[in-house]
Amino acid sequence: MPETREVSCTAEDCFLDMFENHYTYDVPDDHDVSALSCPVCGGTTCLEVLDV
């Protein structure tokens, strides 16, 4: 089963609590949350992976 990550936006002015990122089987090994941006505020340094 492909990996799923729950990601939280920690920006003070952003109202997004969390979102799920679903990956395919061919995601590169070096891909991490730093390659993503928040779908609400557009921030990139404010994202953290949640351990659920």
Protein backbone atom coordinates (compact mmCIF):
# COMPACT_ATOMS: atom_id res chain seq x y z
CA MET A 1 0.00 0.00 0.00
CA PRO A 2 1.41 3.45 -0.89
CA GLU A 3 2.42 5.73 1.95
CA THR A 4 0.09 8.38 3.39
CA ARG A 5 1.35 11.27 5.49
CA GLU A 6 -0.65 13.63 7.66
CA VAL A 7 0.79 17.13 7.49
CA SER A 8 0.08 20.12 9.72
CA CYS A 9 0.56 23.82 8.93
CA THR A 10 2.05 25.72 11.87
CA ALA A 11 1.76 29.22 10.39
CA GLU A 12 0.05 31.54 12.89
CA ASP A 13 -2.18 33.23 10.32
CA CYS A 14 -3.23 30.00 8.56
CA PHE A 15 -6.51 28.31 9.47
CA LEU A 16 -5.55 24.88 8.07
CA ASP A 17 -5.28 22.27 10.80
CA MET A 18 -4.01 19.31 8.79
CA PHE A 19 -4.18 17.58 5.43
CA GLU A 20 -3.33 14.11 4.14
CA ASN A 21 -0.86 13.58 1.36
CA HIS A 22 -1.27 10.30 -0.52
CA TYR A 23 1.72 8.98 -2.43
CA THR A 24 2.09 6.58 -5.35
CA TYR A 25 4.39 3.58 -5.33
CA ASP A 26 7.03 5.42 -7.33
CA VAL A 27 7.66 8.36 -4.95
CA PRO A 28 11.43 9.13 -4.80
CA ASP A 29 13.25 8.04 -1.63
CA ASP A 30 14.52 11.57 -1.00
CA HIS A 31 11.03 13.18 -1.11
CA ASP A 32 9.97 14.82 2.16
CA VAL A 33 7.60 17.48 3.46
CA SER A 34 10.00 20.28 2.44
CA ALA A 35 8.93 19.68 -1.19
CA LEU A 36 5.30 20.51 -0.34
CA SER A 37 3.46 23.79 0.24
CA CYS A 38 0.38 24.52 2.33
CA PRO A 39 -2.76 24.48 0.14
CA VAL A 40 -4.22 27.42 2.11
CA CYS A 41 -1.42 29.90 2.85
CA GLY A 42 1.20 28.63 0.39
CA GLY A 43 3.89 28.38 3.06
CA THR A 44 6.66 25.81 2.78
CA THR A 45 8.67 26.17 5.98
CA CYS A 46 5.59 25.92 8.21
CA LEU A 47 4.70 22.28 7.40
CA GLU A 48 5.31 19.41 9.81
CA VAL A 49 4.60 15.70 9.45
CA LEU A 50 2.24 14.43 12.16
CA ASP A 51 2.80 11.09 13.86
CA VAL A 52 -0.67 9.59 14.08
